[in-house]
Amino acid sequence: MAEKWSLGRALRGMFVKPTIDESTWDDLETALLTADFGPDITERIVEELREKVERYRTTDPRDLQRMLKETLEEHFAKFDTTLKLTERPAVVLVVGVNGVGKTTTIGKFAHFLRRYNRSVVVGAADTFRAAAVEQLATWAERGGAAIVRPDREGQDPASVAFQTIEHAKRSGTEIVLVDTAGRLHTKGGLMDELTKIRRVIEKQAPISEVLLVLDATTGQNGVMQAQAFLEHAGVTGLVLTKLDGSAKGGFVLAVQERTGIPVKLLGQGEGIGDLTGFTPHVFAASLVD
């Protein structure tokens, strides 16, 4: 079976050449475009690197490799990728269209938080699909979190969110993750529902984060799909799922620049432990090295 394309591998071939020449720049541009940086960002990065190479009068491809890593890190670091979870309870609303991996992300996020010894409860406020509640319960259990389910089928999502905050306060649970419906075909209704959930929660506790889950494999289409959430849900951070290592790494920067919202979590696999926080210098190094 052919080995998967990756940005790191494509770059390695470039940086072992004896000198920087025009073919280096062509290869770099192609590699960045293939990694989903998009034409505008690719052009900007290549221009910045040409200027740096000229300024330092180097012809050594290893210098270019170091400069690329630094340049990418600078671009990633323009956004504050820190998760704000200091309130008690810290309430996180998780939003996104169906099919992006929202349910599995909540389970993985619970597991991520449990590794830091935080207690977590999940609120199943996507009450329109009974299967969604069951699936969420399975992932919450895998992640080591408690779950608050609807009392009855079709229960008002805001009341489930209310009960979840009540549970957290009563039990002293530190972090609350609230799942929400992801159907976009009734966009107006869905956004009204999210507004109501927010209003009900904020009567009890401030909302620390609103995380929008995006499927990295859908590229720019994913951002367009999520536009309604970006406009109406008060999104504070992005979670990228199905991010296949460095093959699509450029989408992280493209989506931050396109939305103006930082990527805070990355899902890079199917396992319960395959969700990590986003650290600019670590991610830049993983793309280039």
C-alpha atoms as a PDB file:
ATOM      1  CA  MET A   1       0.000   0.000   0.000  1.00  0.00           C
ATOM      2  CA  ALA A   2       1.319   3.480  -0.888  1.00  0.00           C
ATOM      3  CA  GLU A   3       2.479   5.573   2.055  1.00  0.00           C
ATOM      4  CA  LYS A   4       0.199   8.486   2.905  1.00  0.00           C
ATOM      5  CA  TRP A   5       1.360  11.910   1.743  1.00  0.00           C
ATOM      6  CA  SER A   6       2.511  14.157   4.571  1.00  0.00           C
ATOM      7  CA  LEU A   7       3.836  17.706   4.647  1.00  0.00           C
ATOM      8  CA  GLY A   8       6.849  16.712   6.771  1.00  0.00           C
ATOM      9  CA  ARG A   9       7.922  14.076   4.262  1.00  0.00           C
ATOM     10  CA  ALA A  10       7.438  16.418   1.297  1.00  0.00           C
ATOM     11  CA  LEU A  11       9.538  19.087   3.021  1.00  0.00           C
ATOM     12  CA  ARG A  12      12.317  16.690   4.023  1.00  0.00           C
ATOM     13  CA  GLY A  13      13.129  16.030   0.376  1.00  0.00           C
ATOM     14  CA  MET A  14      13.381  19.760  -0.208  1.00  0.00           C
ATOM     15  CA  PHE A  15      15.684  20.515   2.704  1.00  0.00           C
ATOM     16  CA  VAL A  16      18.352  17.936   1.846  1.00  0.00           C
ATOM     17  CA  LYS A  17      19.155  19.632  -1.458  1.00  0.00           C
ATOM     18  CA  PRO A  18      22.551  21.385  -1.636  1.00  0.00           C
ATOM     19  CA  THR A  19      21.098  24.877  -2.137  1.00  0.00           C
ATOM     20  CA  ILE A  20      17.931  26.984  -2.268  1.00  0.00           C
ATOM     21  CA  ASP A  21      16.877  27.564  -5.881  1.00  0.00           C
ATOM     22  CA  GLU A  22      13.646  28.342  -7.781  1.00  0.00           C
ATOM     23  CA  SER A  23      12.582  24.701  -7.690  1.00  0.00           C
ATOM     24  CA  THR A  24      12.739  24.888  -3.858  1.00  0.00           C
ATOM     25  CA  TRP A  25      10.149  27.669  -3.869  1.00  0.00           C
ATOM     26  CA  ASP A  26       7.929  25.811  -6.361  1.00  0.00           C
ATOM     27  CA  ASP A  27       8.124  22.642  -4.262  1.00  0.00           C
ATOM     28  CA  LEU A  28       7.391  24.577  -1.057  1.00  0.00           C
ATOM     29  CA  GLU A  29       4.339  26.245  -2.589  1.00  0.00           C
ATOM     30  CA  THR A  30       2.998  22.900  -3.851  1.00  0.00           C
ATOM     31  CA  ALA A  31       3.570  21.254  -0.444  1.00  0.00           C
ATOM     32  CA  LEU A  32       1.739  24.028   1.447  1.00  0.00           C
ATOM     33  CA  LEU A  33      -1.203  23.971  -0.979  1.00  0.00           C
ATOM     34  CA  THR A  34      -1.442  20.182  -0.712  1.00  0.00           C
ATOM     35  CA  ALA A  35      -1.489  20.513   3.098  1.00  0.00           C
ATOM     36  CA  ASP A  36      -4.622  22.700   2.843  1.00  0.00           C
ATOM     37  CA  PHE A  37      -3.120  26.091   3.725  1.00  0.00           C
ATOM     38  CA  GLY A  38      -5.101  27.629   0.858  1.00  0.00           C
ATOM     39  CA  PRO A  39      -3.730  29.907  -1.898  1.00  0.00           C
ATOM     40  CA  ASP A  40      -3.735  33.225   0.025  1.00  0.00           C
ATOM     41  CA  ILE A  41      -1.913  31.960   3.118  1.00  0.00           C
ATOM     42  CA  THR A  42       0.509  29.906   1.005  1.00  0.00           C
ATOM     43  CA  GLU A  43       1.423  32.972  -1.041  1.00  0.00           C
ATOM     44  CA  ARG A  44       1.911  35.064   2.104  1.00  0.00           C
ATOM     45  CA  ILE A  45       4.142  32.450   3.793  1.00  0.00           C
ATOM     46  CA  VAL A  46       6.295  31.949   0.683  1.00  0.00           C
ATOM     47  CA  GLU A  47       6.723  35.743   0.307  1.00  0.00           C
ATOM     48  CA  GLU A  48       7.719  36.125   3.977  1.00  0.00           C
ATOM     49  CA  LEU A  49      10.264  33.325   3.619  1.00  0.00           C
ATOM     50  CA  ARG A  50      11.737  34.770   0.409  1.00  0.00           C
ATOM     51  CA  GLU A  51      12.253  38.073   2.258  1.00  0.00           C
ATOM     52  CA  LYS A  52      13.922  36.326   5.222  1.00  0.00           C
ATOM     53  CA  VAL A  53      16.210  34.260   2.986  1.00  0.00           C
ATOM     54  CA  GLU A  54      17.237  37.434   1.162  1.00  0.00           C
ATOM     55  CA  ARG A  55      17.716  39.403   4.379  1.00  0.00           C
ATOM     56  CA  TYR A  56      19.980  36.740   5.916  1.00  0.00           C
ATOM     57  CA  ARG A  57      21.681  36.041   2.554  1.00  0.00           C
ATOM     58  CA  THR A  58      21.513  32.298   3.031  1.00  0.00           C
ATOM     59  CA  THR A  59      21.392  29.557   0.421  1.00  0.00           C
ATOM     60  CA  ASP A  60      21.249  26.704   2.962  1.00  0.00           C
ATOM     61  CA  PRO A  61      17.938  24.773   2.827  1.00  0.00           C
ATOM     62  CA  ARG A  62      18.321  23.936   6.544  1.00  0.00           C
ATOM     63  CA  ASP A  63      18.054  27.660   7.313  1.00  0.00           C
ATOM     64  CA  LEU A  64      14.869  27.743   5.238  1.00  0.00           C
ATOM     65  CA  GLN A  65      13.506  24.788   7.221  1.00  0.00           C
ATOM     66  CA  ARG A  66      14.121  26.612  10.524  1.00  0.00           C
ATOM     67  CA  MET A  67      12.604  29.841   9.123  1.00  0.00           C
ATOM     68  CA  LEU A  68       9.506  27.964   7.922  1.00  0.00           C
ATOM     69  CA  LYS A  69       8.963  26.481  11.386  1.00  0.00           C
ATOM     70  CA  GLU A  70       9.374  29.909  13.025  1.00  0.00           C
ATOM     71  CA  THR A  71       7.068  31.587  10.484  1.00  0.00           C
ATOM     72  CA  LEU A  72       4.323  28.994  10.942  1.00  0.00           C
ATOM     73  CA  GLU A  73       4.613  29.254  14.710  1.00  0.00           C
ATOM     74  CA  GLU A  74       4.286  33.064  14.509  1.00  0.00           C
ATOM     75  CA  HIS A  75       1.120  32.707  12.420  1.00  0.00           C
ATOM     76  CA  PHE A  76      -0.409  30.081  14.737  1.00  0.00           C
ATOM     77  CA  ALA A  77       0.514  32.103  17.844  1.00  0.00           C
ATOM     78  CA  LYS A  78      -1.491  35.177  16.717  1.00  0.00           C
ATOM     79  CA  PHE A  79      -4.507  33.460  18.286  1.00  0.00           C
ATOM     80  CA  ASP A  80      -4.985  32.723  21.988  1.00  0.00           C
ATOM     81  CA  THR A  81      -5.473  28.953  22.001  1.00  0.00           C
ATOM     82  CA  THR A  82      -5.839  28.638  25.802  1.00  0.00           C
ATOM     83  CA  LEU A  83      -8.960  26.897  27.101  1.00  0.00           C
ATOM     84  CA  LYS A  84     -10.647  29.171  29.660  1.00  0.00           C
ATOM     85  CA  LEU A  85     -11.925  26.765  32.297  1.00  0.00           C
ATOM     86  CA  THR A  86     -11.235  28.536  35.597  1.00  0.00           C
ATOM     87  CA  GLU A  87     -14.853  29.109  36.738  1.00  0.00           C
ATOM     88  CA  ARG A  88     -16.518  26.528  38.973  1.00  0.00           C
ATOM     89  CA  PRO A  89     -18.409  24.980  37.474  1.00  0.00           C
ATOM     90  CA  ALA A  90     -16.796  25.803  34.119  1.00  0.00           C
ATOM     91  CA  VAL A  91     -19.566  25.381  31.541  1.00  0.00           C
ATOM     92  CA  VAL A  92     -18.677  24.432  27.960  1.00  0.00           C
ATOM     93  CA  LEU A  93     -21.320  24.426  25.206  1.00  0.00           C
ATOM     94  CA  VAL A  94     -20.386  22.087  22.347  1.00  0.00           C
ATOM     95  CA  VAL A  95     -21.954  22.968  18.982  1.00  0.00           C
ATOM     96  CA  GLY A  96     -21.620  21.822  15.369  1.00  0.00           C
ATOM     97  CA  VAL A  97     -23.523  20.219  12.513  1.00  0.00           C
ATOM     98  CA  ASN A  98     -24.407  16.535  12.661  1.00  0.00           C
ATOM     99  CA  GLY A  99     -21.730  14.184  11.367  1.00  0.00           C
ATOM    100  CA  VAL A 100     -18.624  16.158  12.368  1.00  0.00           C
ATOM    101  CA  GLY A 101     -17.812  13.913  15.337  1.00  0.00           C
ATOM    102  CA  LYS A 102     -19.381  16.055  18.063  1.00  0.00           C
ATOM    103  CA  THR A 103     -20.456  13.145  20.292  1.00  0.00           C
ATOM    104  CA  THR A 104     -17.099  11.361  20.160  1.00  0.00           C
ATOM    105  CA  THR A 105     -15.322  14.690  20.711  1.00  0.00           C
ATOM    106  CA  ILE A 106     -17.274  15.255  23.951  1.00  0.00           C
ATOM    107  CA  GLY A 107     -16.193  11.800  25.216  1.00  0.00           C
ATOM    108  CA  LYS A 108     -12.572  12.471  24.234  1.00  0.00           C
ATOM    109  CA  PHE A 109     -12.673  15.941  25.814  1.00  0.00           C
ATOM    110  CA  ALA A 110     -14.016  14.435  29.059  1.00  0.00           C
ATOM    111  CA  HIS A 111     -11.126  11.947  29.003  1.00  0.00           C
ATOM    112  CA  PHE A 112      -8.656  14.797  28.287  1.00  0.00           C
ATOM    113  CA  LEU A 113      -9.962  16.727  31.328  1.00  0.00           C
ATOM    114  CA  ARG A 114      -9.998  13.638  33.561  1.00  0.00           C
ATOM    115  CA  ARG A 115      -6.284  13.185  32.836  1.00  0.00           C
ATOM    116  CA  TYR A 116      -5.823  16.520  34.633  1.00  0.00           C
ATOM    117  CA  ASN A 117      -7.924  15.177  37.530  1.00  0.00           C
ATOM    118  CA  ARG A 118     -10.905  17.389  36.735  1.00  0.00           C
ATOM    119  CA  SER A 119     -14.391  16.041  37.512  1.00  0.00           C
ATOM    120  CA  VAL A 120     -16.723  16.228  34.496  1.00  0.00           C
ATOM    121  CA  VAL A 121     -20.453  15.915  33.844  1.00  0.00           C
ATOM    122  CA  VAL A 122     -21.982  15.768  30.368  1.00  0.00           C
ATOM    123  CA  GLY A 123     -25.453  17.166  29.615  1.00  0.00           C
ATOM    124  CA  ALA A 124     -27.345  15.363  26.825  1.00  0.00           C
ATOM    125  CA  ALA A 125     -29.214  18.409  25.508  1.00  0.00           C
ATOM    126  CA  ASP A 126     -29.530  17.029  21.957  1.00  0.00           C
ATOM    127  CA  THR A 127     -32.911  15.579  22.901  1.00  0.00           C
ATOM    128  CA  PHE A 128     -34.410  15.171  19.438  1.00  0.00           C
ATOM    129  CA  ARG A 129     -32.713  11.856  18.691  1.00  0.00           C
ATOM    130  CA  ALA A 130     -32.927   9.095  21.288  1.00  0.00           C
ATOM    131  CA  ALA A 131     -29.917   7.451  19.628  1.00  0.00           C
ATOM    132  CA  ALA A 132     -27.875  10.626  20.226  1.00  0.00           C
ATOM    133  CA  VAL A 133     -28.423  10.356  23.981  1.00  0.00           C
ATOM    134  CA  GLU A 134     -27.402   6.671  24.053  1.00  0.00           C
ATOM    135  CA  GLN A 135     -24.319   7.299  21.930  1.00  0.00           C
ATOM    136  CA  LEU A 136     -23.312  10.231  24.138  1.00  0.00           C
ATOM    137  CA  ALA A 137     -23.800   8.111  27.284  1.00  0.00           C
ATOM    138  CA  THR A 138     -21.417   5.480  25.879  1.00  0.00           C
ATOM    139  CA  TRP A 139     -18.720   8.062  25.111  1.00  0.00           C
ATOM    140  CA  ALA A 140     -19.210   9.894  28.432  1.00  0.00           C
ATOM    141  CA  GLU A 141     -18.664   6.597  30.251  1.00  0.00           C
ATOM    142  CA  ARG A 142     -15.517   5.900  28.199  1.00  0.00           C
ATOM    143  CA  GLY A 143     -14.282   9.378  29.062  1.00  0.00           C
ATOM    144  CA  GLY A 144     -14.902   8.851  32.790  1.00  0.00           C
ATOM    145  CA  ALA A 145     -17.671  11.478  33.031  1.00  0.00           C
ATOM    146  CA  ALA A 146     -21.099  11.441  34.654  1.00  0.00           C
ATOM    147  CA  ILE A 147     -24.074  12.154  32.367  1.00  0.00           C
ATOM    148  CA  VAL A 148     -27.391  13.937  32.858  1.00  0.00           C
ATOM    149  CA  ARG A 149     -29.982  12.513  30.472  1.00  0.00           C
ATOM    150  CA  PRO A 150     -33.390  13.914  29.511  1.00  0.00           C
ATOM    151  CA  ASP A 151     -36.201  12.756  31.829  1.00  0.00           C
ATOM    152  CA  ARG A 152     -38.344  12.003  28.790  1.00  0.00           C
ATOM    153  CA  GLU A 153     -37.984  11.829  25.008  1.00  0.00           C
ATOM    154  CA  GLY A 154     -38.163  15.222  23.295  1.00  0.00           C
ATOM    155  CA  GLN A 155     -37.588  17.123  26.563  1.00  0.00           C
ATOM    156  CA  ASP A 156     -36.773  20.804  26.115  1.00  0.00           C
ATOM    157  CA  PRO A 157     -32.975  20.970  25.589  1.00  0.00           C
ATOM    158  CA  ALA A 158     -32.643  24.074  27.783  1.00  0.00           C
ATOM    159  CA  SER A 159     -34.204  22.236  30.734  1.00  0.00           C
ATOM    160  CA  VAL A 160     -31.656  19.386  30.346  1.00  0.00           C
ATOM    161  CA  ALA A 161     -28.871  22.001  30.359  1.00  0.00           C
ATOM    162  CA  PHE A 162     -30.443  23.528  33.509  1.00  0.00           C
ATOM    163  CA  GLN A 163     -30.541  20.108  35.241  1.00  0.00           C
ATOM    164  CA  THR A 164     -26.901  19.482  34.291  1.00  0.00           C
ATOM    165  CA  ILE A 165     -25.716  22.725  35.915  1.00  0.00           C
ATOM    166  CA  GLU A 166     -27.842  21.896  38.992  1.00  0.00           C
ATOM    167  CA  HIS A 167     -26.166  18.462  39.162  1.00  0.00           C
ATOM    168  CA  ALA A 168     -22.689  20.051  38.885  1.00  0.00           C
ATOM    169  CA  LYS A 169     -23.386  22.535  41.660  1.00  0.00           C
ATOM    170  CA  ARG A 170     -24.929  19.918  43.915  1.00  0.00           C
ATOM    171  CA  SER A 171     -22.115  17.403  43.410  1.00  0.00           C
ATOM    172  CA  GLY A 172     -19.250  19.924  43.241  1.00  0.00           C
ATOM    173  CA  THR A 173     -18.376  18.798  39.687  1.00  0.00           C
ATOM    174  CA  GLU A 174     -15.770  21.113  38.188  1.00  0.00           C
ATOM    175  CA  ILE A 175     -16.543  21.043  34.457  1.00  0.00           C
ATOM    176  CA  VAL A 176     -19.831  20.762  32.559  1.00  0.00           C
ATOM    177  CA  LEU A 177     -19.937  19.780  28.864  1.00  0.00           C
ATOM    178  CA  VAL A 178     -23.325  20.448  27.251  1.00  0.00           C
ATOM    179  CA  ASP A 179     -24.119  18.673  23.970  1.00  0.00           C
ATOM    180  CA  THR A 180     -26.487  20.507  21.613  1.00  0.00           C
ATOM    181  CA  ALA A 181     -28.466  19.594  18.497  1.00  0.00           C
ATOM    182  CA  GLY A 182     -26.666  19.912  15.173  1.00  0.00           C
ATOM    183  CA  ARG A 183     -29.422  19.921  12.576  1.00  0.00           C
ATOM    184  CA  LEU A 184     -28.904  22.893  10.278  1.00  0.00           C
ATOM    185  CA  HIS A 185     -31.921  22.381   8.026  1.00  0.00           C
ATOM    186  CA  THR A 186     -34.049  24.462  10.406  1.00  0.00           C
ATOM    187  CA  LYS A 187     -31.339  26.994  10.997  1.00  0.00           C
ATOM    188  CA  GLY A 188     -33.534  29.683  12.550  1.00  0.00           C
ATOM    189  CA  GLY A 189     -35.090  27.228  15.022  1.00  0.00           C
ATOM    190  CA  LEU A 190     -31.733  25.747  15.932  1.00  0.00           C
ATOM    191  CA  MET A 191     -30.174  29.141  16.632  1.00  0.00           C
ATOM    192  CA  ASP A 192     -33.215  30.151  18.726  1.00  0.00           C
ATOM    193  CA  GLU A 193     -32.767  26.925  20.677  1.00  0.00           C
ATOM    194  CA  LEU A 194     -29.072  27.661  21.300  1.00  0.00           C
ATOM    195  CA  THR A 195     -29.933  31.194  22.433  1.00  0.00           C
ATOM    196  CA  LYS A 196     -32.465  29.759  24.887  1.00  0.00           C
ATOM    197  CA  ILE A 197     -29.951  27.192  26.213  1.00  0.00           C
ATOM    198  CA  ARG A 198     -27.411  29.989  26.746  1.00  0.00           C
ATOM    199  CA  ARG A 199     -29.966  32.179  28.515  1.00  0.00           C
ATOM    200  CA  VAL A 200     -31.055  29.371  30.870  1.00  0.00           C
ATOM    201  CA  ILE A 201     -27.447  28.379  31.691  1.00  0.00           C
ATOM    202  CA  GLU A 202     -26.317  31.963  32.284  1.00  0.00           C
ATOM    203  CA  LYS A 203     -28.975  32.388  34.982  1.00  0.00           C
ATOM    204  CA  GLN A 204     -27.052  29.744  36.956  1.00  0.00           C
ATOM    205  CA  ALA A 205     -23.427  30.060  35.843  1.00  0.00           C
ATOM    206  CA  PRO A 206     -21.297  31.915  33.288  1.00  0.00           C
ATOM    207  CA  ILE A 207     -20.479  30.043  30.065  1.00  0.00           C
ATOM    208  CA  SER A 208     -16.704  29.559  29.931  1.00  0.00           C
ATOM    209  CA  GLU A 209     -16.376  28.320  26.345  1.00  0.00           C
ATOM    210  CA  VAL A 210     -18.543  27.689  23.278  1.00  0.00           C
ATOM    211  CA  LEU A 211     -16.639  25.148  21.196  1.00  0.00           C
ATOM    212  CA  LEU A 212     -17.546  24.580  17.548  1.00  0.00           C
ATOM    213  CA  VAL A 213     -16.590  21.132  16.232  1.00  0.00           C
ATOM    214  CA  LEU A 214     -15.426  21.127  12.596  1.00  0.00           C
ATOM    215  CA  ASP A 215     -14.478  18.177  10.392  1.00  0.00           C
ATOM    216  CA  ALA A 216     -11.024  19.033   8.960  1.00  0.00           C
ATOM    217  CA  THR A 217     -11.566  16.753   5.944  1.00  0.00           C
ATOM    218  CA  THR A 218     -14.379  18.984   4.625  1.00  0.00           C
ATOM    219  CA  GLY A 219     -11.964  21.945   4.379  1.00  0.00           C
ATOM    220  CA  GLN A 220     -13.478  25.316   3.526  1.00  0.00           C
ATOM    221  CA  ASN A 221     -16.930  23.716   3.047  1.00  0.00           C
ATOM    222  CA  GLY A 222     -16.919  22.891   6.721  1.00  0.00           C
ATOM    223  CA  VAL A 223     -16.447  26.551   7.593  1.00  0.00           C
ATOM    224  CA  MET A 224     -19.314  27.557   5.302  1.00  0.00           C
ATOM    225  CA  GLN A 225     -21.530  24.871   6.885  1.00  0.00           C
ATOM    226  CA  ALA A 226     -20.732  26.232  10.318  1.00  0.00           C
ATOM    227  CA  GLN A 227     -21.293  29.889   9.418  1.00  0.00           C
ATOM    228  CA  ALA A 228     -24.621  30.010  11.283  1.00  0.00           C
ATOM    229  CA  PHE A 229     -22.983  28.819  14.495  1.00  0.00           C
ATOM    230  CA  LEU A 230     -20.169  31.338  14.062  1.00  0.00           C
ATOM    231  CA  GLU A 231     -22.710  34.139  13.638  1.00  0.00           C
ATOM    232  CA  HIS A 232     -25.215  33.188  16.325  1.00  0.00           C
ATOM    233  CA  ALA A 233     -23.716  30.906  18.950  1.00  0.00           C
ATOM    234  CA  GLY A 234     -20.968  33.141  20.380  1.00  0.00           C
ATOM    235  CA  VAL A 235     -18.255  30.625  19.472  1.00  0.00           C
ATOM    236  CA  THR A 236     -15.033  31.109  21.475  1.00  0.00           C
ATOM    237  CA  GLY A 237     -12.968  28.204  20.162  1.00  0.00           C
ATOM    238  CA  LEU A 238     -12.760  25.563  17.440  1.00  0.00           C
ATOM    239  CA  VAL A 239     -12.208  21.823  17.739  1.00  0.00           C
ATOM    240  CA  LEU A 240     -10.878  20.181  14.578  1.00  0.00           C
ATOM    241  CA  THR A 241     -11.706  16.498  14.176  1.00  0.00           C
ATOM    242  CA  LYS A 242     -10.383  13.980  11.633  1.00  0.00           C
ATOM    243  CA  LEU A 243      -7.191  15.998  11.284  1.00  0.00           C
ATOM    244  CA  ASP A 244      -4.868  13.462   9.707  1.00  0.00           C
ATOM    245  CA  GLY A 245      -1.540  14.645  11.102  1.00  0.00           C
ATOM    246  CA  SER A 246       0.432  16.876   8.777  1.00  0.00           C
ATOM    247  CA  ALA A 247      -1.480  15.918   5.618  1.00  0.00           C
ATOM    248  CA  LYS A 248      -4.146  18.570   6.299  1.00  0.00           C
ATOM    249  CA  GLY A 249      -2.296  20.593   8.928  1.00  0.00           C
ATOM    250  CA  GLY A 250      -2.651  23.830   6.988  1.00  0.00           C
ATOM    251  CA  PHE A 251      -6.386  23.809   7.595  1.00  0.00           C
ATOM    252  CA  VAL A 252      -5.691  24.764  11.224  1.00  0.00           C
ATOM    253  CA  LEU A 253      -4.241  28.104  10.143  1.00  0.00           C
ATOM    254  CA  ALA A 254      -6.704  28.574   7.283  1.00  0.00           C
ATOM    255  CA  VAL A 255      -9.730  28.105   9.545  1.00  0.00           C
ATOM    256  CA  GLN A 256      -8.350  30.422  12.263  1.00  0.00           C
ATOM    257  CA  GLU A 257      -7.694  33.179   9.741  1.00  0.00           C
ATOM    258  CA  ARG A 258     -11.033  32.663   7.997  1.00  0.00           C
ATOM    259  CA  THR A 259     -13.128  32.759  11.188  1.00  0.00           C
ATOM    260  CA  GLY A 260     -10.951  34.867  13.487  1.00  0.00           C
ATOM    261  CA  ILE A 261     -11.530  32.181  16.162  1.00  0.00           C
ATOM    262  CA  PRO A 262      -8.699  30.129  17.699  1.00  0.00           C
ATOM    263  CA  VAL A 263      -8.379  26.373  17.343  1.00  0.00           C
ATOM    264  CA  LYS A 264      -8.282  25.037  20.919  1.00  0.00           C
ATOM    265  CA  LEU A 265      -8.425  21.256  20.481  1.00  0.00           C
ATOM    266  CA  LEU A 266      -7.287  18.794  17.803  1.00  0.00           C
ATOM    267  CA  GLY A 267      -8.686  15.317  17.175  1.00  0.00           C
ATOM    268  CA  GLN A 268      -6.158  13.203  15.300  1.00  0.00           C
ATOM    269  CA  GLY A 269      -7.507   9.665  15.609  1.00  0.00           C
ATOM    270  CA  GLU A 270     -10.405   7.431  16.649  1.00  0.00           C
ATOM    271  CA  GLY A 271      -9.250   6.469  20.159  1.00  0.00           C
ATOM    272  CA  ILE A 272     -10.486   7.982  23.418  1.00  0.00           C
ATOM    273  CA  GLY A 273      -7.032   9.532  23.993  1.00  0.00           C
ATOM    274  CA  ASP A 274      -6.746  11.074  20.512  1.00  0.00           C
ATOM    275  CA  LEU A 275      -7.704  14.636  21.423  1.00  0.00           C
ATOM    276  CA  THR A 276      -5.038  17.166  22.380  1.00  0.00           C
ATOM    277  CA  GLY A 277      -4.814  20.828  23.210  1.00  0.00           C
ATOM    278  CA  PHE A 278      -3.427  23.043  20.447  1.00  0.00           C
ATOM    279  CA  THR A 279       0.079  24.408  21.125  1.00  0.00           C
ATOM    280  CA  PRO A 280       1.482  26.564  18.279  1.00  0.00           C
ATOM    281  CA  HIS A 281       5.198  25.677  18.598  1.00  0.00           C
ATOM    282  CA  VAL A 282       4.526  21.940  19.030  1.00  0.00           C
ATOM    283  CA  PHE A 283       2.161  21.882  16.057  1.00  0.00           C
ATOM    284  CA  ALA A 284       4.514  23.910  13.818  1.00  0.00           C
ATOM    285  CA  ALA A 285       7.365  21.516  14.653  1.00  0.00           C
ATOM    286  CA  SER A 286       5.152  18.473  13.944  1.00  0.00           C
ATOM    287  CA  LEU A 287       4.331  19.863  10.492  1.00  0.00           C
ATOM    288  CA  VAL A 288       7.882  20.754   9.450  1.00  0.00           C
ATOM    289  CA  ASP A 289      10.149  18.153  11.092  1.00  0.00           C
END
